[in-house]
Protein backbone atom coordinates (compact mmCIF):
# COMPACT_ATOMS: atom_id res chain seq x y z
CA MET A 1 13.67 1.06 17.36
CA VAL A 2 12.70 -2.84 17.11
CA ALA A 3 14.88 -4.07 14.63
CA VAL A 4 17.94 -2.65 16.79
CA HIS A 5 16.50 -4.03 19.84
CA GLN A 6 15.29 -7.87 18.29
CA TYR A 7 19.50 -7.85 16.08
CA HIS A 8 21.01 -6.79 18.72
CA ASN A 9 22.25 -3.21 17.65
CA GLN A 10 23.91 -4.54 14.74
CA ALA A 11 24.08 -2.30 12.04
CA PRO A 12 24.01 -5.07 8.66
CA LEU A 13 20.96 -6.61 10.04
CA VAL A 14 19.46 -3.72 10.80
CA LEU A 15 20.25 -2.77 7.75
CA THR A 16 19.04 -5.94 5.91
CA HIS A 17 15.94 -5.43 7.70
CA PHE A 18 15.20 -1.65 6.83
CA VAL A 19 15.79 -2.02 3.03
CA SER A 20 13.86 -4.98 2.29
CA ALA A 21 11.03 -3.82 3.82
CA LEU A 22 11.29 -0.67 1.49
CA THR A 23 11.28 -3.39 -0.77
CA VAL A 24 8.05 -4.56 -0.53
CA VAL A 25 6.76 -0.86 -0.16
CA PHE A 26 7.76 0.23 -3.32
CA THR A 27 7.17 -3.50 -5.07
CA THR A 28 3.51 -3.35 -3.90
CA ASP A 29 3.06 0.48 -4.70
CA PHE A 30 4.53 -0.03 -8.16
CA LEU A 31 2.13 -3.56 -8.48
CA LYS A 32 -0.82 -1.22 -8.03
CA GLY A 33 0.19 0.98 -10.15
CA TYR A 34 0.28 -0.34 -12.77
CA ALA A 35 -2.98 -2.88 -11.91
CA ALA A 36 -4.51 0.81 -12.03
CA SER A 37 -3.19 1.37 -15.29
CA LEU A 38 -4.62 -1.90 -16.44
CA LEU A 39 -8.11 -1.38 -15.36
CA ARG A 40 -8.38 2.02 -16.78
CA PRO A 41 -10.14 1.76 -20.26
CA TYR A 42 -12.71 -0.54 -18.12
CA ILE A 43 -13.39 2.41 -15.30
CA LYS A 44 -16.14 4.63 -16.58
CA PRO A 45 -17.12 8.29 -14.84
CA ASN A 46 -20.13 6.80 -13.88
CA THR A 47 -18.77 3.50 -12.21
CA LEU A 48 -16.15 5.81 -9.92
CA THR A 49 -18.87 7.55 -8.90
CA TYR A 50 -21.12 4.67 -7.72
CA LEU A 51 -17.63 3.51 -5.84
CA SER A 52 -17.56 7.24 -3.91
CA ARG A 53 -20.38 6.70 -2.84
CA VAL A 54 -20.45 3.37 -1.37
CA SER A 55 -17.15 4.97 -0.23
CA VAL A 56 -18.39 7.53 1.16
CA SER A 57 -21.14 5.47 2.82
CA SER A 58 -19.12 2.72 4.30
CA SER A 59 -16.89 5.10 6.00
CA PHE A 60 -20.22 6.51 7.88
CA THR A 61 -21.19 3.42 9.03
CA LEU A 62 -18.41 2.28 10.50
CA VAL A 63 -17.62 5.16 12.51
């Protein structure tokens, strides 16, 4: 409720704040999906296996 407090409970400003945040999130997700579709031809099964192993091993070293 930071936005409500920051904008002194003015509905148009609070609504603009949340609509802007949602727009940023949806735009970012759309661009990630588009980038993934462009990378799909270059990613082979062995690359996915390697990335999966790197991801799992790095998650255990951070703990």
